[in-house]
């Protein structure tokens, strides 16, 4: 290492150190301000906390975090070549730290404080100011606001992690970090507010101008990440040797373990989005399970008929497709409707990752667009016709039922999300490329990202 390189690295180190001091200082000042606020009279009436609802929400938060680690880490890690397994796992692991920090500093405030139809006020809950034991009646009136904040944070963590499947085996780690910070801030947080925040553009229950239904993240999580993944794959270009050289998964067993953890964790993802431990959580739980089962069957059947053999990885992929597709509809449709959605999901997503990908020739390494983007788009649109007030009585209060009008609202939400994700991702990738460079060079790609980006090997003999 020459003197100039050492100087640059020292400069970067001290820049991060200064940023750390500023962050800690801001946190302490925010805590002091919160402490200085007038305190409520302990004897005064306070909203009652339902301990059962709170326990379910905290358990669901843990289940959703498990979807990222170890679920997605194992699922994605097993699908890449052995020389890239650690770098692929790191893409999900590091976000548990990075996105949690963004969420604490300003993300929660940007997503769930009062603001305009597109994003909340960054200062309202800066450094989680005012987010404590008292419930927020707009979102979950029977649990501490801090519990709701924790639950929503887990969604923010896994969403950009999904995108990493499309850029695996060829993106610079520093570019991935920069892009993820920008994408989470400028695309995920605003979408979260628009769909779920009070006064958000598409919030059907809290004053949205276009009342679109999305129970647990069809637009916010899966369409946004799926479309962004496609743009990432197109901008980065194909992996060296794709599609002429075989790029087989190095360990399907790891992927199957990860897929199983995703299925279990998804109950927290969808049923937890009821924000209570009542009948709606049970209904969403059942819808989630039967959609996954149906999609695994239909994907396997389609593959068996078209390729002659049913693959184990295909069955697992179908299961994930069913989970992604039912996510927006899970709290609004009956079990038979959910099973039908799953049957459609398995076939549609199978065709997307085999036929559509082959026709256009893009290298979405782990099929994020075909499974999550296409799957949740189908789920959002089918929900427009299948939403039932008998399943979710709040729909009756809002005078929403399945039909052509609601289908149009769903379509508008899908198109807006896809456009924002596509255009925003393209711009952010160009920024990251100009600042640090997006793609590793050919030599580093040949050696593998584990060594070239992290100086480690997954397997040492």
Protein backbone atom coordinates (compact mmCIF):
# COMPACT_ATOMS: atom_id res chain seq x y z
CA UNK A 1 0.00 0.00 0.00
CA UNK A 2 1.56 3.33 -1.09
CA UNK A 3 1.49 6.57 0.88
CA UNK A 4 -1.36 8.15 -1.15
CA UNK A 5 -3.58 5.12 -0.67
CA UNK A 6 -2.86 5.05 3.04
CA UNK A 7 -3.66 8.76 3.30
CA UNK A 8 -6.98 8.29 1.54
CA UNK A 9 -7.96 5.41 3.79
CA UNK A 10 -7.00 7.40 6.88
CA UNK A 11 -9.11 10.30 5.63
CA UNK A 12 -12.11 8.01 5.10
CA UNK A 13 -11.66 6.47 8.56
CA UNK A 14 -11.61 9.82 10.33
CA UNK A 15 -14.56 11.07 8.25
CA UNK A 16 -16.61 8.10 9.47
CA UNK A 17 -15.39 8.68 13.02
CA UNK A 18 -16.55 12.30 12.93
CA UNK A 19 -19.92 11.19 11.53
CA UNK A 20 -20.22 8.68 14.37
CA UNK A 21 -19.59 11.38 16.98
CA UNK A 22 -22.18 13.65 15.35
CA UNK A 23 -24.74 10.84 15.29
CA UNK A 24 -24.18 9.93 18.93
CA UNK A 25 -24.31 13.57 19.88
CA UNK A 26 -27.58 14.04 18.03
CA UNK A 27 -29.03 11.01 19.75
CA UNK A 28 -28.09 12.32 23.17
CA UNK A 29 -29.49 15.77 22.41
CA UNK A 30 -32.75 14.21 21.18
CA UNK A 31 -32.96 12.13 24.37
CA UNK A 32 -32.35 15.21 26.49
CA UNK A 33 -35.06 17.12 24.61
CA UNK A 34 -37.52 14.29 25.06
CA UNK A 35 -36.70 14.15 28.77
CA UNK A 36 -37.25 17.88 29.09
CA UNK A 37 -40.75 17.70 27.62
CA UNK A 38 -43.66 18.16 30.06
CA UNK A 39 -44.50 14.81 31.63
CA UNK A 40 -48.01 13.46 31.82
CA UNK A 41 -49.60 13.10 35.21
CA UNK A 42 -49.16 9.39 36.11
CA UNK A 43 -52.66 9.41 37.54
CA UNK A 44 -54.15 10.67 34.27
CA UNK A 45 -55.99 8.23 32.05
CA UNK A 46 -53.74 6.59 29.45
CA UNK A 47 -54.63 4.36 26.51
CA UNK A 48 -54.78 0.75 27.60
CA UNK A 49 -52.10 -1.59 26.28
CA UNK A 50 -53.35 -5.00 25.21
CA UNK A 51 -50.56 -7.31 26.30
CA UNK A 52 -51.71 -10.09 23.98
CA UNK A 53 -51.62 -7.80 20.94
CA UNK A 54 -48.25 -6.45 22.00
CA UNK A 55 -46.81 -9.93 22.46
CA UNK A 56 -48.01 -10.97 19.01
CA UNK A 57 -46.56 -7.85 17.38
CA UNK A 58 -43.17 -8.33 19.04
CA UNK A 59 -43.14 -12.02 18.08
CA UNK A 60 -44.07 -11.06 14.52
CA UNK A 61 -41.22 -8.53 14.47
CA UNK A 62 -38.79 -11.30 15.36
CA UNK A 63 -40.27 -13.54 12.65
CA UNK A 64 -39.85 -10.85 10.00
CA UNK A 65 -36.26 -10.22 11.07
CA UNK A 66 -35.68 -13.98 10.81
CA UNK A 67 -36.75 -13.73 7.17
CA UNK A 68 -33.66 -11.62 6.52
CA UNK A 69 -31.26 -13.50 8.77
CA UNK A 70 -30.98 -16.37 8.40
CA UNK A 71 -33.85 -16.85 5.90
CA UNK A 72 -32.89 -14.67 2.94
CA UNK A 73 -29.19 -15.02 3.71
CA UNK A 74 -29.38 -18.81 3.29
CA UNK A 75 -31.85 -18.72 0.40
CA UNK A 76 -29.76 -16.31 -1.68
CA UNK A 77 -26.41 -17.61 -0.43
CA UNK A 78 -27.09 -21.14 -1.62
CA UNK A 79 -28.13 -20.00 -5.09
CA UNK A 80 -24.86 -18.33 -6.10
CA UNK A 81 -21.48 -19.88 -6.92
CA UNK A 82 -19.24 -20.78 -4.00
CA UNK A 83 -16.81 -17.93 -4.71
CA UNK A 84 -19.59 -15.40 -4.09
CA UNK A 85 -21.53 -16.91 -1.20
CA UNK A 86 -20.16 -14.66 1.57
CA UNK A 87 -20.54 -11.47 -0.43
CA UNK A 88 -24.14 -12.40 -1.22
CA UNK A 89 -24.87 -13.15 2.42
CA UNK A 90 -23.23 -9.88 3.44
CA UNK A 91 -25.64 -7.94 1.25
CA UNK A 92 -28.50 -8.95 3.55
CA UNK A 93 -26.57 -9.06 6.81
CA UNK A 94 -25.19 -5.52 6.62
CA UNK A 95 -28.63 -4.05 6.04
CA UNK A 96 -29.71 -5.14 9.48
CA UNK A 97 -27.29 -2.51 10.76
CA UNK A 98 -27.50 0.12 8.01
CA UNK A 99 -31.27 0.31 7.60
CA UNK A 100 -31.88 0.11 11.35
CA UNK A 101 -29.71 3.20 11.76
CA UNK A 102 -31.54 5.10 9.02
CA UNK A 103 -34.87 4.08 10.55
CA UNK A 104 -33.87 5.35 13.98
CA UNK A 105 -32.46 8.66 12.78
CA UNK A 106 -35.17 9.78 10.35
CA UNK A 107 -36.77 6.84 8.50
CA UNK A 108 -39.61 6.13 10.89
CA UNK A 109 -40.46 9.81 11.03
CA UNK A 110 -40.36 10.09 7.24
CA UNK A 111 -42.68 7.10 6.87
CA UNK A 112 -45.18 7.47 9.72
CA UNK A 113 -45.36 11.07 10.91
CA UNK A 114 -47.87 13.59 9.58
CA UNK A 115 -46.69 15.37 6.46
CA UNK A 116 -47.98 15.46 2.91
CA UNK A 117 -49.34 12.71 0.62
CA UNK A 118 -45.79 11.65 -0.33
CA UNK A 119 -43.69 11.65 2.85
CA UNK A 120 -43.85 12.55 6.52
CA UNK A 121 -42.05 15.23 8.50
CA UNK A 122 -38.41 14.17 9.10
CA UNK A 123 -38.21 16.14 12.34
CA UNK A 124 -41.33 14.87 14.13
CA UNK A 125 -39.72 11.64 15.33
CA UNK A 126 -36.07 12.46 14.62
CA UNK A 127 -33.93 9.95 16.55
CA UNK A 128 -37.28 8.36 17.57
CA UNK A 129 -38.22 11.39 19.62
CA UNK A 130 -41.62 10.81 21.20
CA UNK A 131 -41.77 7.14 20.19
CA UNK A 132 -42.30 5.31 23.45
CA UNK A 133 -44.85 3.39 25.48
CA UNK A 134 -47.90 5.43 24.48
CA UNK A 135 -49.84 4.00 21.50
CA UNK A 136 -50.38 5.90 18.27
CA UNK A 137 -54.12 5.70 17.65
CA UNK A 138 -53.72 6.14 13.89
CA UNK A 139 -51.80 2.90 13.49
CA UNK A 140 -52.13 0.53 16.44
CA UNK A 141 -54.07 1.86 19.38
CA UNK A 142 -53.54 -1.09 21.72
CA UNK A 143 -49.74 -1.47 21.60
CA UNK A 144 -46.87 0.90 22.39
CA UNK A 145 -45.84 3.04 19.45
CA UNK A 146 -42.35 1.67 19.96
CA UNK A 147 -43.62 -1.84 19.21
CA UNK A 148 -45.22 -0.63 15.99
CA UNK A 149 -41.97 1.15 15.09
CA UNK A 150 -39.95 -2.04 15.63
CA UNK A 151 -42.34 -4.12 13.52
CA UNK A 152 -42.23 -1.69 10.60
CA UNK A 153 -38.44 -1.46 10.82
CA UNK A 154 -38.15 -5.16 9.94
CA UNK A 155 -39.98 -4.50 6.66
CA UNK A 156 -37.58 -1.67 5.88
CA UNK A 157 -34.63 -4.03 6.43
CA UNK A 158 -35.72 -6.88 4.18
CA UNK A 159 -37.00 -4.81 1.24
CA UNK A 160 -33.65 -3.55 -0.13
CA UNK A 161 -32.14 -6.93 0.78
CA UNK A 162 -34.45 -8.49 -1.80
CA UNK A 163 -32.90 -6.31 -4.52
CA UNK A 164 -29.48 -7.77 -3.78
CA UNK A 165 -30.49 -10.98 -5.54
CA UNK A 166 -30.43 -9.20 -8.89
CA UNK A 167 -26.94 -7.74 -8.49
CA UNK A 168 -25.26 -10.75 -6.92
CA UNK A 169 -21.79 -11.76 -8.11
CA UNK A 170 -20.84 -8.48 -9.78
CA UNK A 171 -21.53 -5.30 -7.76
CA UNK A 172 -18.91 -3.42 -5.72
CA UNK A 173 -19.71 -3.55 -2.03
CA UNK A 174 -19.20 0.20 -1.55
CA UNK A 175 -21.56 0.87 -4.48
CA UNK A 176 -24.12 -1.49 -2.98
CA UNK A 177 -24.00 0.36 0.35
CA UNK A 178 -24.31 3.80 -1.24
CA UNK A 179 -27.14 2.74 -3.51
CA UNK A 180 -29.01 1.04 -0.66
CA UNK A 181 -28.82 4.09 1.60
CA UNK A 182 -30.13 6.32 -1.20
CA UNK A 183 -32.80 3.84 -2.32
CA UNK A 184 -34.14 3.24 1.17
CA UNK A 185 -34.28 6.97 1.88
CA UNK A 186 -35.72 8.21 -1.40
CA UNK A 187 -37.89 5.29 -2.54
CA UNK A 188 -38.81 2.97 0.35
CA UNK A 189 -39.57 5.55 3.05
CA UNK A 190 -41.80 7.68 0.77
CA UNK A 191 -43.64 4.60 -0.56
CA UNK A 192 -44.18 3.41 2.99
CA UNK A 193 -45.77 6.74 3.87
CA UNK A 194 -47.87 6.86 0.70
CA UNK A 195 -49.37 3.42 1.31
CA UNK A 196 -49.47 3.11 5.12
CA UNK A 197 -48.85 6.57 6.61
CA UNK A 198 -51.69 8.81 7.76
CA UNK A 199 -52.68 11.05 4.85
CA UNK A 200 -50.55 9.06 2.43
CA UNK A 201 -51.56 9.17 -1.23
CA UNK A 202 -52.81 5.55 -1.38
CA UNK A 203 -53.85 4.99 2.25
CA UNK A 204 -57.37 3.54 2.06
CA UNK A 205 -58.07 3.89 5.79
CA UNK A 206 -56.38 7.16 6.75
CA UNK A 207 -57.31 9.80 4.23
CA UNK A 208 -55.57 8.75 1.01
CA UNK A 209 -56.75 10.36 -2.22
CA UNK A 210 -56.50 7.05 -4.11
CA UNK A 211 -57.64 4.31 -1.69
CA UNK A 212 -55.57 1.29 -2.74
CA UNK A 213 -55.40 -1.90 -0.68
CA UNK A 214 -52.03 -3.33 0.33
CA UNK A 215 -52.19 -5.30 3.56
CA UNK A 216 -48.53 -6.20 4.09
CA UNK A 217 -46.36 -4.79 1.31
CA UNK A 218 -47.26 -5.75 -2.25
CA UNK A 219 -46.32 -2.30 -3.51
CA UNK A 220 -44.09 -1.06 -0.70
CA UNK A 221 -41.95 -4.19 -0.47
CA UNK A 222 -42.27 -6.54 -3.44
CA UNK A 223 -43.13 -4.43 -6.49
CA UNK A 224 -40.70 -1.70 -5.48
CA UNK A 225 -37.85 -4.16 -4.92
CA UNK A 226 -38.76 -6.31 -7.93
CA UNK A 227 -38.85 -3.46 -10.42
CA UNK A 228 -35.71 -1.94 -8.92
CA UNK A 229 -34.01 -5.33 -9.22
CA UNK A 230 -34.81 -5.44 -12.94
CA UNK A 231 -33.36 -1.97 -13.47
CA UNK A 232 -30.26 -2.93 -11.49
CA UNK A 233 -29.78 -6.04 -13.63
CA UNK A 234 -30.10 -4.03 -16.83
CA UNK A 235 -27.76 -1.22 -15.75
CA UNK A 236 -25.08 -3.51 -14.33
CA UNK A 237 -25.24 -5.86 -17.28
CA UNK A 238 -24.82 -9.61 -17.38
CA UNK A 239 -22.36 -11.58 -15.33
CA UNK A 240 -19.22 -12.52 -17.22
CA UNK A 241 -20.05 -15.67 -19.20
CA UNK A 242 -23.84 -15.44 -18.80
CA UNK A 243 -25.82 -17.17 -20.33
CA UNK A 244 -23.32 -19.37 -22.16
CA UNK A 245 -21.45 -20.71 -19.14
CA UNK A 246 -23.26 -22.78 -16.48
CA UNK A 247 -23.79 -20.84 -13.24
CA UNK A 248 -25.32 -23.50 -11.04
CA UNK A 249 -26.25 -22.93 -7.38
CA UNK A 250 -23.40 -24.10 -5.20
CA UNK A 251 -25.60 -25.47 -2.40
CA UNK A 252 -29.32 -26.04 -2.95
CA UNK A 253 -29.64 -27.48 0.56
CA UNK A 254 -28.82 -24.06 2.05
CA UNK A 255 -31.44 -22.48 -0.18
CA UNK A 256 -34.10 -24.97 0.91
CA UNK A 257 -33.39 -24.26 4.57
CA UNK A 258 -33.66 -20.56 3.82
CA UNK A 259 -36.93 -21.11 1.93
CA UNK A 260 -38.40 -22.93 4.92
CA UNK A 261 -37.43 -20.09 7.23
CA UNK A 262 -39.00 -17.60 4.81
CA UNK A 263 -42.29 -19.52 4.86
CA UNK A 264 -42.39 -19.54 8.65
CA UNK A 265 -41.27 -15.93 8.93
CA UNK A 266 -43.91 -14.80 6.46
CA UNK A 267 -46.61 -15.52 9.03
CA UNK A 268 -45.16 -12.64 11.03
CA UNK A 269 -44.93 -10.56 7.86
CA UNK A 270 -48.60 -10.97 6.88
CA UNK A 271 -50.52 -12.03 10.00
CA UNK A 272 -48.47 -9.57 12.06
CA UNK A 273 -49.72 -6.78 9.81
CA UNK A 274 -53.12 -7.15 11.46
CA UNK A 275 -51.36 -5.37 14.38
CA UNK A 276 -53.47 -7.36 16.82
CA UNK A 277 -53.92 -10.98 17.88
CA UNK A 278 -57.53 -11.23 16.73
CA UNK A 279 -59.55 -12.87 13.98
CA UNK A 280 -57.96 -10.80 11.20
CA UNK A 281 -54.50 -12.12 12.11
CA UNK A 282 -55.85 -15.67 11.94
CA UNK A 283 -57.42 -15.02 8.55
CA UNK A 284 -54.20 -13.51 7.15
CA UNK A 285 -52.20 -16.42 8.60
CA UNK A 286 -54.43 -18.96 6.84
CA UNK A 287 -54.46 -17.04 3.55
CA UNK A 288 -50.67 -16.86 3.59
CA UNK A 289 -50.23 -20.58 4.16
CA UNK A 290 -52.68 -21.80 1.56
CA UNK A 291 -51.42 -19.42 -1.12
CA UNK A 292 -47.87 -20.67 -0.61
CA UNK A 293 -49.05 -24.27 -0.80
CA UNK A 294 -51.03 -23.66 -3.99
CA UNK A 295 -48.19 -21.82 -5.71
CA UNK A 296 -45.69 -24.56 -4.86
CA UNK A 297 -48.06 -27.07 -6.46
CA UNK A 298 -48.79 -25.04 -9.60
CA UNK A 299 -45.11 -24.12 -10.19
CA UNK A 300 -44.09 -27.76 -9.76
CA UNK A 301 -46.84 -28.95 -12.10
CA UNK A 302 -45.94 -26.39 -14.77
CA UNK A 303 -42.27 -27.31 -14.58
CA UNK A 304 -43.06 -31.02 -14.66
CA UNK A 305 -45.22 -30.64 -17.78
CA UNK A 306 -42.88 -28.29 -19.65
CA UNK A 307 -39.49 -29.69 -18.63
CA UNK A 308 -40.27 -33.30 -17.84
CA UNK A 309 -39.00 -33.25 -14.25
CA UNK A 310 -40.13 -31.40 -11.10
CA UNK A 311 -37.14 -29.76 -9.45
CA UNK A 312 -36.79 -29.24 -5.71
CA UNK A 313 -35.62 -25.65 -6.26
CA UNK A 314 -38.67 -25.07 -8.46
CA UNK A 315 -41.01 -26.13 -5.66
CA UNK A 316 -39.22 -23.78 -3.26
CA UNK A 317 -39.37 -20.93 -5.78
CA UNK A 318 -43.08 -21.52 -6.26
CA UNK A 319 -43.60 -21.33 -2.53
CA UNK A 320 -41.85 -17.96 -2.35
CA UNK A 321 -43.88 -16.76 -5.34
CA UNK A 322 -47.10 -17.68 -3.55
CA UNK A 323 -46.01 -15.81 -0.45
CA UNK A 324 -45.04 -12.68 -2.37
CA UNK A 325 -48.27 -12.72 -4.38
CA UNK A 326 -50.63 -13.11 -1.41
CA UNK A 327 -48.85 -10.45 0.67
CA UNK A 328 -50.97 -7.46 -0.43
CA UNK A 329 -54.19 -9.49 -0.29
CA UNK A 330 -53.61 -11.57 2.85
CA UNK A 331 -55.82 -9.48 5.15
CA UNK A 332 -58.59 -8.89 2.63
CA UNK A 333 -59.45 -12.23 0.99
CA UNK A 334 -60.91 -15.58 2.01
CA UNK A 335 -58.94 -18.81 2.11
CA UNK A 336 -60.41 -20.15 -1.18
CA UNK A 337 -59.55 -16.87 -2.87
CA UNK A 338 -56.03 -17.02 -1.43
CA UNK A 339 -55.62 -20.57 -2.74
CA UNK A 340 -56.70 -19.38 -6.19
CA UNK A 341 -54.24 -16.48 -6.02
CA UNK A 342 -51.50 -18.97 -5.19
CA UNK A 343 -52.37 -21.21 -8.13
CA UNK A 344 -52.11 -18.24 -10.49
CA UNK A 345 -48.89 -17.07 -8.83
CA UNK A 346 -47.05 -20.34 -9.38
CA UNK A 347 -47.74 -20.43 -13.12
CA UNK A 348 -47.28 -16.72 -13.80
CA UNK A 349 -44.01 -16.46 -11.89
CA UNK A 350 -42.67 -19.68 -13.41
CA UNK A 351 -43.28 -18.29 -16.90
CA UNK A 352 -41.69 -14.97 -15.89
CA UNK A 353 -38.42 -16.53 -14.70
CA UNK A 354 -38.17 -18.96 -17.61
CA UNK A 355 -39.85 -17.53 -20.72
CA UNK A 356 -39.86 -13.76 -20.07
CA UNK A 357 -36.27 -13.71 -18.81
CA UNK A 358 -35.13 -15.81 -21.76
CA UNK A 359 -36.86 -13.60 -24.34
CA UNK A 360 -35.39 -10.34 -23.06
CA UNK A 361 -32.03 -11.79 -21.98
CA UNK A 362 -31.57 -9.80 -18.76
CA UNK A 363 -29.45 -11.31 -15.98
CA UNK A 364 -31.57 -11.05 -12.84
CA UNK A 365 -29.26 -13.41 -10.97
CA UNK A 366 -31.76 -14.78 -8.44
CA UNK A 367 -35.04 -13.92 -10.20
CA UNK A 368 -36.16 -11.10 -7.94
CA UNK A 369 -38.24 -9.42 -10.64
CA UNK A 370 -39.90 -12.61 -11.85
CA UNK A 371 -40.91 -13.78 -8.37
CA UNK A 372 -41.44 -10.61 -6.34
CA UNK A 373 -42.19 -7.96 -8.97
CA UNK A 374 -44.44 -10.04 -11.21
CA UNK A 375 -45.95 -12.00 -8.32
CA UNK A 376 -47.03 -9.04 -6.22
CA UNK A 377 -48.28 -7.16 -9.29
CA UNK A 378 -50.60 -10.09 -9.98
CA UNK A 379 -51.61 -10.18 -6.31
CA UNK A 380 -52.40 -6.46 -6.19
CA UNK A 381 -54.55 -6.63 -9.31
CA UNK A 382 -56.44 -9.80 -8.32
CA UNK A 383 -57.09 -8.20 -4.94
CA UNK A 384 -59.00 -5.45 -6.73
CA UNK A 385 -61.72 -7.96 -7.55
CA UNK A 386 -61.44 -10.33 -4.58
CA UNK A 387 -61.39 -7.94 -1.59
CA UNK A 388 -64.14 -8.93 0.83
CA UNK A 389 -65.67 -6.90 3.69
CA UNK A 390 -66.69 -10.23 5.22
CA UNK A 391 -63.00 -10.98 5.77
CA UNK A 392 -61.98 -7.48 6.85
CA UNK A 393 -64.92 -5.50 8.29
CA UNK A 394 -62.96 -2.24 8.04
CA UNK A 395 -63.53 -2.39 4.29
CA UNK A 396 -67.27 -2.02 4.87
CA UNK A 397 -66.70 1.08 6.99
CA UNK A 398 -64.60 2.54 4.17
CA UNK A 399 -67.21 1.45 1.59
CA UNK A 400 -64.66 -0.62 -0.30
CA UNK A 401 -65.42 -3.91 -1.98
CA UNK A 402 -63.99 -5.87 -4.86
CA UNK A 403 -64.92 -4.64 -8.33
CA UNK A 404 -63.86 -2.59 -11.33
CA UNK A 405 -63.47 0.64 -9.37
CA UNK A 406 -61.17 -0.91 -6.79
CA UNK A 407 -59.25 -2.69 -9.54
CA UNK A 408 -58.53 0.74 -11.07
CA UNK A 409 -57.22 2.02 -7.72
CA UNK A 410 -55.00 -1.03 -7.44
CA UNK A 411 -53.71 -0.53 -10.97
CA UNK A 412 -52.85 3.11 -10.28
CA UNK A 413 -50.90 2.14 -7.16
CA UNK A 414 -49.01 -0.55 -9.08
CA UNK A 415 -48.13 1.77 -11.97
CA UNK A 416 -47.05 4.59 -9.66
CA UNK A 417 -44.88 2.26 -7.58
CA UNK A 418 -43.28 0.71 -10.67
CA UNK A 419 -42.57 4.11 -12.22
CA UNK A 420 -41.07 5.56 -9.04
CA UNK A 421 -38.94 2.47 -8.46
CA UNK A 422 -37.74 2.28 -12.07
CA UNK A 423 -36.87 5.94 -12.59
CA UNK A 424 -35.55 6.43 -9.08
CA UNK A 425 -33.37 3.32 -9.22
CA UNK A 426 -31.87 4.30 -12.57
CA UNK A 427 -30.92 7.74 -11.28
CA UNK A 428 -29.51 6.41 -8.01
CA UNK A 429 -27.43 3.79 -9.83
CA UNK A 430 -25.94 6.49 -12.01
CA UNK A 431 -25.07 8.51 -8.93
CA UNK A 432 -23.43 5.50 -7.28
CA UNK A 433 -21.53 4.72 -10.46
CA UNK A 434 -20.23 8.28 -10.71
CA UNK A 435 -19.16 8.36 -7.06
CA UNK A 436 -17.61 4.93 -6.45
CA UNK A 437 -18.13 2.81 -9.58
CA UNK A 438 -20.86 0.17 -9.74
CA UNK A 439 -19.27 -2.99 -11.02
CA UNK A 440 -16.15 -4.90 -10.09
CA UNK A 441 -13.58 -5.36 -12.84
CA UNK A 442 -13.34 -8.60 -14.78
CA UNK A 443 -10.42 -9.93 -12.75
CA UNK A 444 -12.22 -9.40 -9.44
CA UNK A 445 -15.36 -10.99 -10.83
CA UNK A 446 -13.37 -14.00 -11.99
CA UNK A 447 -11.71 -14.41 -8.59
CA UNK A 448 -15.05 -13.99 -6.84
CA UNK A 449 -16.46 -11.23 -4.69
CA UNK A 450 -15.74 -13.05 -1.44
CA UNK A 451 -12.02 -12.51 -1.94
CA UNK A 452 -12.02 -9.32 -4.00
CA UNK A 453 -14.52 -7.40 -1.83
CA UNK A 454 -14.13 -8.95 1.62
CA UNK A 455 -10.81 -10.82 1.67
CA UNK A 456 -12.42 -14.05 2.86
CA UNK A 457 -13.37 -17.50 1.60
CA UNK A 458 -16.54 -19.34 2.58
CA UNK A 459 -14.89 -22.73 2.41
CA UNK A 460 -11.25 -23.34 3.38
CA UNK A 461 -9.75 -26.78 2.86
